[in-house]
Amino acid sequence: MSKTIGFAKLENWDSVLVNTQKLLQQVKDPKLLDFVHYYRGEAFHKKRIFRYAMSEFDLIRKDFEFHTMVQFNKASIFLSQEKYNQALNLFKSIDTSNAKDIQTIRIDGLFHNMGVCYLHLGNYPESEKYLLTAARLIEERKDYVSLIYSYIDLGNLYYEQYLDDKAIIYFEKAYNFSQKYGSFELKLNASHNMAVAEENRKRYDKALAYRKEYENWKDSLNDQNKIYEVAQIEKRLALEHEHQRVKLLETENKLKQARLNTYLFAALFLLAVIIFGTYFYRQSVLRSRVILRQKQELDLLNATKDQLFSIVSHDLRSSVHALSVSNSGLKDKVQKQDYAGLENQLEENSVIATNTYNMLDNLLNWALLQTEGGYFKPEEHRLSMLIDHVAFNFKGVLNQKGITFENTVPKSVKVFVDAESLKIVLRNFMDNSIKFSDSGSAITVSLHAPSTLHTQTHADEVTFIWKDTGKGMSEETRLKLLSDSPQLTKKDHEKTIGSGLGMNLCRAMLAKNNGKFDIWSRQNEGTSMIVTLKTCADGKN
């Protein structure tokens, strides 16, 4: 499109038509098509091929941003075809009060053309009004060529009304300006008008002088036309000579092309050899990479299997053995009728069984996570409600052990998580808090502002802290639980059955929910689990 605009600025209308013809086959956007049709219409208009110009302008849509220019051009074509009523109706339809639209055309040109239409239709008062307004605007703009046309039309207006005294004023102005700024054609018209005006005033000597000047300009114009015709002939001969030279060059190029084709086929053959060699080499490298990746995946699966067997053979075996020993003690106390120790033994059995069940549950969930099994669907959930659901299932154990639980998370807070996986995390937090807390301890869950934490929290995240006043843990154990190592940690408290699998499961579940996890703990001061979760899906407000 930029080429078309450049040709239009140079008034190279043939190039505009050639370029826009190509654009008609390429452009699909309706807005760009409007511009293409406009420039084609403008080119046909300038070449005075009015029928084609009108056809192009009619193809432009009504919502074209320069539709005022389209109306102006169509009206100008009607004026050139002496269809004065149609031209005037189109000129009058242009809204001169709309500053945005009127900027695309020259207002003095609009008024001048309307005055010319009224002049040919015999409405002299309206013609005078518009022609005088146009002349004043052109004078302000100091466009002397347009001013010559304006003065000539004003002179013709008064001449048609037999107001020769007024007509001669404008004819003289047009004549004087034409001597400085006019073309041959303008000088010809201006001298002819002066000759006619002076003849009507019976000033024959001046009329004769203007007639002679008119004839001189006419001869000059004819000479100029002859020069143009000679130039056209020379141009045609030059084109024929150039055409012959091009044919000779084409013959030479065909010979060169034949040699180039031979070199090209040889080069293509070598290139094909290189491409096929490179392809087979890359395929060999890709197969090696696939084998290496499969080996790494197999090593990871073997490590997961060994880890699973380690838990089953050691930790689960220890739990079952502890339950067996506890049952033997229970049997002895029943036989000895030691009812005071029987209650403690039953409570110990219950704790061992509960911990073993929790270990099996974590083991199952961990195995599903490692094999990418299980159902996972993140949605918006109220965080407080999920915490309350988990706490309700542990209500009996909390009361039995004398541990208080408080959830202060506001009910309005929502998180974007898979509910079941988050419940697994919360159950592990609750189980650990109860397991490592004595009677009289407290568990609290609260929402913390970002300014109170050492971790950075974004606007689409929420952080809560699960805190207990239990036994806590050493710094070494805390770092092991937070490490990315696949090896499971051991607990600091030997009497408590556990393998560290629960914390590994929690970290994995939170990572799958795009969450963050941190631990604060000191021995004999309690433990705080710090969890950060998304409040909405990525990319949604």
Protein backbone atom coordinates (compact mmCIF):
# COMPACT_ATOMS: atom_id res chain seq x y z
CA MET A 1 0.00 0.00 0.00
CA SER A 2 2.92 2.34 0.69
CA LYS A 3 4.01 2.08 -2.98
CA THR A 4 0.54 3.17 -4.11
CA ILE A 5 0.63 6.20 -1.81
CA GLY A 6 4.10 7.10 -3.10
CA PHE A 7 2.97 6.91 -6.74
CA ALA A 8 -0.11 9.03 -5.91
CA LYS A 9 2.05 11.74 -4.29
CA LEU A 10 4.18 11.82 -7.48
CA GLU A 11 0.94 11.90 -9.56
CA ASN A 12 2.14 8.81 -11.42
CA TRP A 13 -1.40 7.60 -12.02
CA ASP A 14 -0.53 4.75 -14.43
CA SER A 15 1.71 3.20 -11.74
CA VAL A 16 -1.09 3.69 -9.20
CA LEU A 17 -3.47 1.69 -11.41
CA VAL A 18 -0.94 -1.12 -12.02
CA ASN A 19 -0.07 -1.41 -8.32
CA THR A 20 -3.69 -1.33 -7.09
CA GLN A 21 -4.68 -4.00 -9.64
CA LYS A 22 -2.21 -6.36 -7.91
CA LEU A 23 -3.52 -5.34 -4.48
CA LEU A 24 -7.10 -6.23 -5.48
CA GLN A 25 -5.99 -9.87 -5.82
CA GLN A 26 -4.01 -9.88 -2.54
CA VAL A 27 -5.93 -7.74 -0.03
CA LYS A 28 -8.84 -9.31 1.89
CA ASP A 29 -9.35 -6.74 4.68
CA PRO A 30 -12.45 -4.60 3.83
CA LYS A 31 -10.82 -1.43 5.26
CA LEU A 32 -7.74 -1.81 3.07
CA LEU A 33 -9.93 -2.62 0.06
CA ASP A 34 -11.69 0.74 0.56
CA PHE A 35 -8.31 2.49 0.25
CA VAL A 36 -7.43 0.47 -2.87
CA HIS A 37 -10.73 1.40 -4.58
CA TYR A 38 -10.28 5.04 -3.54
CA TYR A 39 -6.83 5.34 -5.12
CA ARG A 40 -8.05 3.60 -8.30
CA GLY A 41 -10.98 6.02 -8.50
CA GLU A 42 -8.64 8.97 -7.93
CA ALA A 43 -6.30 7.74 -10.70
CA PHE A 44 -9.15 7.27 -13.22
CA HIS A 45 -10.51 10.71 -12.23
CA LYS A 46 -7.14 12.40 -12.88
CA LYS A 47 -6.86 10.58 -16.22
CA ARG A 48 -10.43 11.80 -16.99
CA ILE A 49 -11.75 8.26 -17.42
CA PHE A 50 -14.88 9.19 -15.49
CA ARG A 51 -16.96 6.01 -15.98
CA TYR A 52 -14.32 3.79 -14.37
CA ALA A 53 -13.67 6.38 -11.68
CA MET A 54 -17.34 6.38 -10.64
CA SER A 55 -17.39 2.55 -10.62
CA GLU A 56 -14.43 2.44 -8.20
CA PHE A 57 -15.90 5.12 -5.91
CA ASP A 58 -19.24 3.25 -5.81
CA LEU A 59 -17.45 0.12 -4.49
CA ILE A 60 -16.33 1.98 -1.33
CA ARG A 61 -18.38 1.27 1.81
CA LYS A 62 -20.37 4.01 3.57
CA ASP A 63 -18.33 3.72 6.81
CA PHE A 64 -15.03 4.50 5.01
CA GLU A 65 -13.19 6.99 7.22
CA PHE A 66 -12.54 9.32 4.25
CA HIS A 67 -16.04 9.05 2.78
CA THR A 68 -16.24 12.87 2.52
CA MET A 69 -13.38 12.76 -0.01
CA VAL A 70 -15.30 10.12 -2.00
CA GLN A 71 -18.39 12.36 -2.15
CA PHE A 72 -16.27 15.35 -3.18
CA ASN A 73 -14.60 13.40 -6.01
CA LYS A 74 -17.90 12.00 -7.30
CA ALA A 75 -19.41 15.49 -7.29
CA SER A 76 -16.33 16.85 -9.14
CA ILE A 77 -16.81 14.16 -11.83
CA PHE A 78 -20.45 15.20 -12.28
CA LEU A 79 -19.26 18.81 -12.60
CA SER A 80 -16.73 17.82 -15.30
CA GLN A 81 -19.54 15.98 -17.13
CA GLU A 82 -21.72 19.15 -16.89
CA LYS A 83 -24.28 17.30 -14.72
CA TYR A 84 -24.68 20.35 -12.51
CA ASN A 85 -27.75 19.29 -10.48
CA GLN A 86 -26.22 15.95 -9.52
CA ALA A 87 -22.90 17.61 -8.70
CA LEU A 88 -24.60 20.30 -6.57
CA ASN A 89 -26.64 17.73 -4.61
CA LEU A 90 -23.50 15.79 -3.73
CA PHE A 91 -21.58 18.96 -2.79
CA LYS A 92 -24.46 20.09 -0.55
CA SER A 93 -24.59 16.68 1.17
CA ILE A 94 -21.12 17.28 2.64
CA ASP A 95 -21.49 18.40 6.27
CA THR A 96 -19.30 21.51 6.60
CA SER A 97 -20.00 21.69 10.36
CA ASN A 98 -18.17 18.39 10.99
CA ALA A 99 -14.58 19.54 11.60
CA LYS A 100 -13.17 16.00 11.36
CA ASP A 101 -14.70 15.26 7.93
CA ILE A 102 -14.09 18.71 6.43
CA GLN A 103 -10.35 18.42 7.16
CA THR A 104 -10.04 15.77 4.43
CA ILE A 105 -11.04 18.20 1.65
CA ARG A 106 -10.37 21.83 0.79
CA ILE A 107 -13.35 23.91 1.96
CA ASP A 108 -12.50 26.68 -0.53
CA GLY A 109 -12.58 24.11 -3.34
CA LEU A 110 -16.00 22.90 -2.14
CA PHE A 111 -17.44 26.42 -2.09
CA HIS A 112 -15.89 27.29 -5.47
CA ASN A 113 -17.36 24.21 -7.15
CA MET A 114 -20.79 24.89 -5.62
CA GLY A 115 -20.56 28.47 -6.97
CA VAL A 116 -19.71 27.14 -10.46
CA CYS A 117 -22.72 24.77 -10.32
CA TYR A 118 -25.06 27.62 -9.36
CA LEU A 119 -23.53 29.77 -12.14
CA HIS A 120 -24.32 27.19 -14.85
CA LEU A 121 -27.79 26.61 -13.37
CA GLY A 122 -28.51 30.38 -13.60
CA ASN A 123 -28.80 30.95 -9.82
CA TYR A 124 -26.52 34.00 -9.80
CA PRO A 125 -27.06 35.20 -6.18
CA GLU A 126 -26.11 31.79 -4.74
CA SER A 127 -23.23 31.52 -7.18
CA GLU A 128 -21.90 34.95 -6.14
CA LYS A 129 -22.13 34.04 -2.43
CA TYR A 130 -20.12 30.82 -2.76
CA LEU A 131 -17.58 32.16 -5.29
CA LEU A 132 -16.78 35.22 -3.14
CA THR A 133 -16.42 33.05 -0.02
CA ALA A 134 -14.11 30.67 -1.88
CA ALA A 135 -12.02 33.58 -3.26
CA ARG A 136 -11.58 35.02 0.26
CA LEU A 137 -10.42 31.65 1.63
CA ILE A 138 -8.03 31.14 -1.30
CA GLU A 139 -6.59 34.64 -0.81
CA GLU A 140 -5.92 33.80 2.84
CA ARG A 141 -4.14 30.62 1.74
CA LYS A 142 -2.17 32.51 -0.97
CA ASP A 143 -2.76 29.76 -3.52
CA TYR A 144 -2.32 31.97 -6.57
CA VAL A 145 -3.02 29.31 -9.22
CA SER A 146 -6.40 28.47 -7.60
CA LEU A 147 -7.00 32.21 -7.21
CA ILE A 148 -6.67 32.71 -10.99
CA TYR A 149 -9.43 30.13 -11.59
CA SER A 150 -11.56 31.77 -8.87
CA TYR A 151 -11.21 35.27 -10.37
CA ILE A 152 -11.97 33.97 -13.90
CA ASP A 153 -15.20 32.31 -12.67
CA LEU A 154 -16.21 35.48 -10.78
CA GLY A 155 -15.59 37.50 -13.94
CA ASN A 156 -17.70 35.06 -15.95
CA LEU A 157 -20.47 35.34 -13.31
CA TYR A 158 -20.70 39.13 -13.70
CA TYR A 159 -20.18 38.94 -17.47
CA GLU A 160 -23.21 36.63 -17.79
CA GLN A 161 -25.27 39.28 -15.95
CA TYR A 162 -23.92 42.06 -18.24
CA LEU A 163 -22.15 43.64 -15.27
CA ASP A 164 -19.04 44.39 -17.29
CA ASP A 165 -17.60 46.89 -14.81
CA LYS A 166 -17.49 44.21 -12.12
CA ALA A 167 -16.41 41.49 -14.52
CA ILE A 168 -13.38 43.48 -15.80
CA ILE A 169 -12.06 43.85 -12.22
CA TYR A 170 -11.78 40.09 -11.73
CA PHE A 171 -10.61 39.43 -15.29
CA GLU A 172 -7.79 41.94 -14.71
CA LYS A 173 -6.85 40.31 -11.40
CA ALA A 174 -6.82 36.89 -13.07
CA TYR A 175 -4.73 38.27 -15.95
CA ASN A 176 -2.15 39.91 -13.66
CA PHE A 177 -1.71 36.78 -11.53
CA SER A 178 -1.50 34.56 -14.62
CA GLN A 179 1.52 36.51 -15.87
CA LYS A 180 3.43 35.50 -12.70
CA TYR A 181 1.99 32.16 -11.64
CA GLY A 182 -0.14 30.74 -14.45
CA SER A 183 0.50 27.99 -16.94
CA PHE A 184 0.21 28.49 -20.74
CA GLU A 185 -3.44 27.44 -20.56
CA LEU A 186 -4.26 29.94 -17.77
CA LYS A 187 -2.46 32.77 -19.59
CA LEU A 188 -4.36 31.85 -22.75
CA ASN A 189 -7.76 31.99 -20.97
CA ALA A 190 -6.94 35.17 -19.05
CA SER A 191 -5.83 37.11 -22.18
CA HIS A 192 -8.89 35.86 -24.11
CA ASN A 193 -11.25 37.03 -21.32
CA MET A 194 -9.58 40.46 -21.27
CA ALA A 195 -9.90 40.76 -25.05
CA VAL A 196 -13.64 39.99 -24.93
CA ALA A 197 -14.23 42.34 -22.00
CA GLU A 198 -12.40 45.24 -23.68
CA GLU A 199 -14.33 44.67 -26.93
CA ASN A 200 -17.60 44.95 -24.98
CA ARG A 201 -16.30 48.20 -23.44
CA LYS A 202 -15.49 49.38 -27.00
CA ARG A 203 -11.81 49.80 -26.10
CA TYR A 204 -10.66 48.21 -29.33
CA ASP A 205 -7.00 49.12 -29.10
CA LYS A 206 -6.61 47.25 -25.80
CA ALA A 207 -8.85 44.46 -27.05
CA LEU A 208 -6.55 44.08 -30.11
CA ALA A 209 -3.46 43.94 -27.90
CA TYR A 210 -5.04 41.21 -25.76
CA ARG A 211 -6.10 39.36 -28.94
CA LYS A 212 -2.52 39.35 -30.20
CA GLU A 213 -1.30 38.12 -26.82
CA TYR A 214 -3.99 35.44 -26.91
CA GLU A 215 -2.84 34.30 -30.36
CA ASN A 216 0.79 34.22 -29.18
CA TRP A 217 -0.10 32.05 -26.17
CA LYS A 218 -2.21 29.86 -28.46
CA ASP A 219 0.76 29.37 -30.80
CA SER A 220 3.01 28.64 -27.84
CA LEU A 221 0.55 26.08 -26.56
CA ASN A 222 0.36 24.47 -30.00
CA ASP A 223 4.15 24.41 -30.18
CA GLN A 224 4.24 22.85 -26.75
CA ASN A 225 1.76 20.19 -27.89
CA LYS A 226 3.90 19.49 -30.97
CA ILE A 227 6.99 19.20 -28.79
CA TYR A 228 5.06 16.76 -26.62
CA GLU A 229 4.07 14.70 -29.69
CA VAL A 230 7.70 14.60 -30.90
CA ALA A 231 8.79 13.57 -27.41
CA GLN A 232 6.24 10.77 -27.49
CA ILE A 233 7.58 9.53 -30.85
CA GLU A 234 11.15 9.62 -29.54
CA LYS A 235 10.00 7.79 -26.44
CA ARG A 236 8.35 5.08 -28.59
CA LEU A 237 11.53 4.67 -30.68
CA ALA A 238 13.61 4.47 -27.52
CA LEU A 239 11.28 1.80 -26.17
CA GLU A 240 11.61 -0.25 -29.38
CA HIS A 241 15.39 0.02 -29.20
CA GLU A 242 15.29 -1.01 -25.56
CA HIS A 243 13.03 -3.92 -26.46
CA GLN A 244 15.57 -5.22 -28.99
CA ARG A 245 18.37 -4.84 -26.46
CA VAL A 246 16.31 -6.78 -23.91
CA LYS A 247 15.80 -9.63 -26.41
CA LEU A 248 19.56 -9.83 -26.95
CA LEU A 249 20.16 -9.90 -23.23
CA GLU A 250 17.52 -12.61 -22.82
CA THR A 251 19.36 -14.81 -25.34
CA GLU A 252 22.63 -14.31 -23.47
CA ASN A 253 20.88 -15.06 -20.19
CA LYS A 254 19.49 -18.34 -21.55
CA LEU A 255 23.03 -19.49 -22.36
CA LYS A 256 24.23 -18.46 -18.91
CA GLN A 257 21.21 -20.15 -17.33
CA ALA A 258 22.02 -23.43 -19.06
CA ARG A 259 25.52 -23.40 -17.52
CA LEU A 260 24.10 -22.40 -14.17
CA ASN A 261 21.61 -25.28 -14.29
CA THR A 262 24.46 -27.75 -14.73
CA TYR A 263 26.25 -26.31 -11.69
CA LEU A 264 22.96 -26.23 -9.80
CA PHE A 265 22.20 -29.92 -10.36
CA ALA A 266 25.70 -30.85 -9.20
CA ALA A 267 25.27 -28.67 -6.10
CA LEU A 268 21.83 -30.17 -5.39
CA PHE A 269 23.26 -33.68 -5.60
CA LEU A 270 25.99 -32.82 -3.10
CA LEU A 271 23.45 -31.09 -0.89
CA ALA A 272 21.18 -34.16 -0.97
CA VAL A 273 24.11 -36.35 0.10
CA ILE A 274 24.88 -33.98 2.98
CA ILE A 275 21.19 -33.75 4.04
CA PHE A 276 20.64 -37.50 4.05
CA GLY A 277 23.91 -38.06 5.90
CA THR A 278 22.94 -35.43 8.49
CA TYR A 279 19.44 -36.91 8.80
CA PHE A 280 20.67 -40.43 9.51
CA TYR A 281 23.24 -39.09 11.96
CA ARG A 282 20.55 -37.08 13.82
CA GLN A 283 18.28 -40.12 13.92
CA SER A 284 21.09 -42.12 15.48
CA VAL A 285 21.64 -39.39 18.09
CA LEU A 286 17.89 -39.18 18.80
CA ARG A 287 17.66 -42.96 19.30
CA SER A 288 20.58 -42.77 21.72
CA ARG A 289 18.84 -39.98 23.64
CA VAL A 290 15.58 -41.96 23.80
CA ILE A 291 17.43 -44.99 25.14
CA LEU A 292 19.21 -42.79 27.73
CA ARG A 293 15.91 -41.18 28.81
CA GLN A 294 14.22 -44.57 29.11
CA LYS A 295 17.16 -45.78 31.22
CA GLN A 296 16.83 -42.76 33.51
CA GLU A 297 13.05 -43.35 33.86
CA LEU A 298 13.72 -47.02 34.63
CA ASP A 299 16.33 -46.07 37.25
CA LEU A 300 13.79 -43.72 38.85
CA LEU A 301 11.13 -46.43 38.88
CA ASN A 302 13.60 -48.86 40.46
CA ALA A 303 14.49 -46.26 43.10
CA THR A 304 10.76 -45.75 43.84
CA LYS A 305 10.24 -49.52 44.04
CA ASP A 306 13.24 -49.93 46.41
CA GLN A 307 11.89 -47.08 48.53
CA LEU A 308 8.45 -48.72 48.69
CA PHE A 309 9.96 -52.11 49.66
CA SER A 310 12.08 -50.36 52.33
CA ILE A 311 8.97 -48.87 53.94
CA VAL A 312 7.03 -52.13 53.74
CA SER A 313 9.91 -54.31 55.00
CA HIS A 314 11.13 -52.02 57.79
CA ASP A 315 8.64 -49.40 58.99
CA LEU A 316 5.46 -51.39 58.43
CA ARG A 317 7.12 -54.53 59.85
CA SER A 318 8.14 -52.49 62.93
CA SER A 319 4.55 -51.27 63.36
CA VAL A 320 3.10 -54.80 63.15
CA HIS A 321 5.78 -56.12 65.51
CA ALA A 322 5.04 -53.33 68.01
CA LEU A 323 1.31 -54.20 67.81
CA SER A 324 2.15 -57.91 68.39
CA VAL A 325 4.29 -57.12 71.44
CA SER A 326 1.60 -54.80 72.80
CA ASN A 327 -1.05 -57.51 72.35
CA SER A 328 1.17 -60.00 74.27
CA GLY A 329 1.41 -57.48 77.12
CA LEU A 330 -2.37 -57.04 76.96
CA LYS A 331 -2.85 -60.81 77.19
CA ASP A 332 -0.53 -61.02 80.25
CA LYS A 333 -2.40 -58.24 82.04
CA VAL A 334 -5.75 -59.94 81.36
CA GLN A 335 -4.42 -63.22 82.77
CA LYS A 336 -2.98 -61.42 85.81
CA GLN A 337 -6.20 -59.37 86.11
CA ASP A 338 -4.13 -56.15 86.19
CA TYR A 339 -7.08 -53.94 85.25
CA ALA A 340 -5.25 -50.70 86.10
CA GLY A 341 -2.52 -51.41 83.54
CA LEU A 342 -5.04 -52.88 81.11
CA GLU A 343 -6.49 -49.45 80.26
CA ASN A 344 -3.03 -48.02 79.49
CA GLN A 345 -2.21 -51.08 77.38
CA LEU A 346 -5.45 -50.70 75.38
CA GLU A 347 -4.73 -47.00 74.78
CA GLU A 348 -1.23 -47.90 73.58
CA ASN A 349 -2.72 -50.53 71.23
CA SER A 350 -5.15 -47.93 69.86
CA VAL A 351 -2.36 -45.43 69.20
CA ILE A 352 -0.23 -48.08 67.44
CA ALA A 353 -3.18 -49.21 65.28
CA THR A 354 -4.13 -45.62 64.38
CA ASN A 355 -0.55 -44.72 63.44
CA THR A 356 -0.22 -47.91 61.39
CA TYR A 357 -3.46 -47.09 59.53
CA ASN A 358 -2.28 -43.53 58.83
CA MET A 359 1.04 -44.93 57.57
CA LEU A 360 -0.78 -47.31 55.21
CA ASP A 361 -3.03 -44.46 53.98
CA ASN A 362 -0.01 -42.23 53.30
CA LEU A 363 1.76 -45.13 51.62
CA LEU A 364 -1.20 -45.67 49.28
CA ASN A 365 -1.48 -41.97 48.40
CA TRP A 366 2.28 -41.69 47.93
CA ALA A 367 2.26 -44.72 45.60
CA LEU A 368 -0.61 -43.20 43.54
CA LEU A 369 1.27 -39.91 43.32
CA GLN A 370 4.49 -41.62 42.16
CA THR A 371 2.63 -43.53 39.42
CA GLU A 372 0.47 -40.49 38.48
CA GLY A 373 -2.67 -42.39 39.41
CA GLY A 374 -5.71 -41.08 41.23
CA TYR A 375 -8.23 -38.32 40.46
CA PHE A 376 -7.01 -34.72 40.54
CA LYS A 377 -9.25 -31.73 39.76
CA PRO A 378 -8.38 -28.28 41.18
CA GLU A 379 -11.36 -26.00 41.89
CA GLU A 380 -12.21 -23.05 44.13
CA HIS A 381 -12.89 -24.12 47.75
CA ARG A 382 -13.34 -22.33 51.06
CA LEU A 383 -10.15 -23.00 53.04
CA SER A 384 -11.89 -22.76 56.43
CA MET A 385 -14.45 -25.43 55.43
CA LEU A 386 -11.75 -27.92 54.36
CA ILE A 387 -9.92 -27.43 57.67
CA ASP A 388 -13.15 -27.92 59.63
CA HIS A 389 -13.93 -31.16 57.73
CA VAL A 390 -10.56 -32.63 58.70
CA ALA A 391 -10.80 -31.41 62.31
CA PHE A 392 -14.23 -33.02 62.71
CA ASN A 393 -12.79 -36.49 61.96
CA PHE A 394 -10.18 -36.02 64.70
CA LYS A 395 -12.58 -34.56 67.29
CA GLY A 396 -12.69 -37.76 69.38
CA VAL A 397 -8.89 -38.17 69.45
CA LEU A 398 -8.43 -34.50 70.38
CA ASN A 399 -10.87 -34.78 73.27
CA GLN A 400 -9.35 -38.06 74.45
CA LYS A 401 -5.85 -36.61 74.54
CA GLY A 402 -6.95 -33.25 75.96
CA ILE A 403 -5.70 -31.12 73.03
CA THR A 404 -7.56 -27.97 71.99
CA PHE A 405 -8.05 -27.02 68.31
CA GLU A 406 -8.91 -23.56 66.93
CA ASN A 407 -9.49 -22.52 63.30
CA THR A 408 -9.40 -18.71 62.81
CA VAL A 409 -9.19 -18.67 58.99
CA PRO A 410 -11.97 -16.36 57.67
CA LYS A 411 -14.80 -18.19 55.90
CA SER A 412 -14.50 -15.81 52.92
CA VAL A 413 -10.99 -16.99 51.99
CA LYS A 414 -11.00 -19.26 48.92
CA VAL A 415 -8.17 -21.34 47.46
CA PHE A 416 -7.79 -22.99 44.04
CA VAL A 417 -6.87 -26.61 44.90
CA ASP A 418 -7.85 -30.23 44.55
CA ALA A 419 -9.91 -30.72 47.72
CA GLU A 420 -9.01 -34.37 48.39
CA SER A 421 -5.25 -33.86 48.00
CA LEU A 422 -5.35 -30.82 50.33
CA LYS A 423 -7.32 -32.87 52.89
CA ILE A 424 -4.53 -35.49 52.80
CA VAL A 425 -2.07 -32.71 53.68
CA LEU A 426 -4.28 -31.37 56.47
CA ARG A 427 -4.83 -34.89 57.90
CA ASN A 428 -1.06 -35.39 58.05
CA PHE A 429 -0.65 -32.03 59.79
CA MET A 430 -3.35 -32.98 62.33
CA ASP A 431 -1.96 -36.49 62.83
CA ASN A 432 1.57 -35.17 63.46
CA SER A 433 0.35 -32.40 65.76
CA ILE A 434 -1.60 -34.92 67.89
CA LYS A 435 1.19 -37.52 67.73
CA PHE A 436 3.91 -35.14 68.97
CA SER A 437 1.84 -33.16 71.50
CA ASP A 438 1.10 -33.90 75.15
CA SER A 439 -2.16 -33.43 77.02
CA GLY A 440 -3.02 -29.75 77.45
CA SER A 441 -1.35 -28.69 74.18
CA ALA A 442 -3.06 -26.50 71.57
CA ILE A 443 -3.36 -26.59 67.79
CA THR A 444 -4.26 -23.38 65.93
CA VAL A 445 -4.78 -22.62 62.24
CA SER A 446 -4.63 -18.96 61.24
CA LEU A 447 -4.25 -16.73 58.20
CA HIS A 448 -1.11 -14.63 58.12
CA ALA A 449 -0.46 -11.42 56.24
CA PRO A 450 2.54 -11.38 53.83
CA SER A 451 4.34 -8.74 55.94
CA THR A 452 4.63 -11.14 58.90
CA LEU A 453 6.38 -13.88 56.85
CA HIS A 454 9.91 -14.25 55.52
CA THR A 455 8.63 -15.72 52.23
CA GLN A 456 7.37 -13.56 49.36
CA THR A 457 3.60 -13.81 48.73
CA HIS A 458 1.94 -12.55 45.54
CA ALA A 459 -1.47 -10.93 45.20
CA ASP A 460 -3.07 -14.15 43.92
CA GLU A 461 -1.81 -16.23 46.89
CA VAL A 462 -2.90 -16.83 50.49
CA THR A 463 -0.77 -18.16 53.35
CA PHE A 464 -1.97 -20.02 56.45
CA ILE A 465 -0.03 -21.47 59.40
CA TRP A 466 -0.80 -24.77 61.16
CA LYS A 467 0.76 -24.39 64.60
CA ASP A 468 1.00 -26.73 67.58
CA THR A 469 2.66 -26.41 70.99
CA GLY A 470 4.04 -29.96 70.92
CA LYS A 471 7.55 -31.39 71.18
CA GLY A 472 8.97 -29.75 68.04
CA MET A 473 11.99 -31.08 66.16
CA SER A 474 15.69 -30.43 65.66
CA GLU A 475 17.03 -28.19 62.89
CA GLU A 476 18.61 -31.24 61.21
CA THR A 477 15.26 -33.04 61.04
CA ARG A 478 13.53 -29.87 59.76
CA LEU A 479 16.03 -29.50 56.90
CA LYS A 480 15.73 -33.20 55.99
CA LEU A 481 11.94 -32.92 55.78
CA LEU A 482 12.27 -29.90 53.45
CA SER A 483 14.99 -31.41 51.24
CA ASP A 484 14.30 -32.71 47.71
CA SER A 485 16.08 -35.99 48.45
CA PRO A 486 13.88 -39.06 47.74
CA GLN A 487 15.22 -40.77 50.86
CA LEU A 488 12.64 -40.73 53.68
CA THR A 489 13.69 -39.25 57.04
CA LYS A 490 13.37 -40.82 60.50
CA LYS A 491 11.62 -39.18 63.43
CA ASP A 492 13.45 -37.80 66.47
CA HIS A 493 11.06 -39.53 68.88
CA GLU A 494 11.84 -43.24 69.01
CA LYS A 495 8.58 -44.22 70.72
CA THR A 496 6.50 -42.82 67.87
CA ILE A 497 5.97 -45.01 64.82
CA GLY A 498 6.74 -43.13 61.59
CA SER A 499 8.99 -42.94 58.57
CA GLY A 500 8.75 -39.30 57.42
CA LEU A 501 6.62 -40.45 54.47
CA GLY A 502 3.77 -38.13 55.49
CA MET A 503 5.85 -34.95 55.11
CA ASN A 504 7.21 -36.12 51.76
CA LEU A 505 3.60 -36.75 50.66
CA CYS A 506 2.56 -33.29 51.89
CA ARG A 507 5.32 -31.58 49.94
CA ALA A 508 4.42 -33.51 46.77
CA MET A 509 0.66 -32.82 47.11
CA LEU A 510 1.23 -29.08 47.70
CA ALA A 511 3.62 -28.87 44.74
CA LYS A 512 0.97 -30.49 42.52
CA ASN A 513 -1.47 -27.77 43.68
CA ASN A 514 1.10 -25.05 42.81
CA GLY A 515 1.59 -24.41 46.52
CA LYS A 516 4.60 -23.60 48.71
CA PHE A 517 5.59 -25.29 51.97
CA ASP A 518 7.90 -24.35 54.83
CA ILE A 519 8.44 -25.52 58.43
CA TRP A 520 9.37 -23.59 61.54
CA SER A 521 10.16 -25.65 64.63
CA ARG A 522 12.22 -25.77 67.82
CA GLN A 523 12.49 -28.65 70.24
CA ASN A 524 10.02 -28.40 73.15
CA GLU A 525 8.53 -25.18 71.65
CA GLY A 526 6.22 -26.65 69.00
CA THR A 527 6.04 -26.69 65.22
CA SER A 528 4.49 -24.39 62.57
CA MET A 529 3.63 -25.63 59.08
CA ILE A 530 3.56 -22.62 56.70
CA VAL A 531 1.51 -23.23 53.53
CA THR A 532 0.97 -20.83 50.60
CA LEU A 533 -1.79 -21.62 48.05
CA LYS A 534 -3.20 -20.01 44.90
CA THR A 535 -6.49 -18.12 45.27
CA CYS A 536 -7.40 -18.51 41.58
CA ALA A 537 -6.39 -20.43 38.47
CA ASP A 538 -3.34 -19.14 36.57
CA GLY A 539 -4.29 -16.42 34.11
CA LYS A 540 -7.68 -15.66 35.80
CA ASN A 541 -8.54 -12.73 38.03
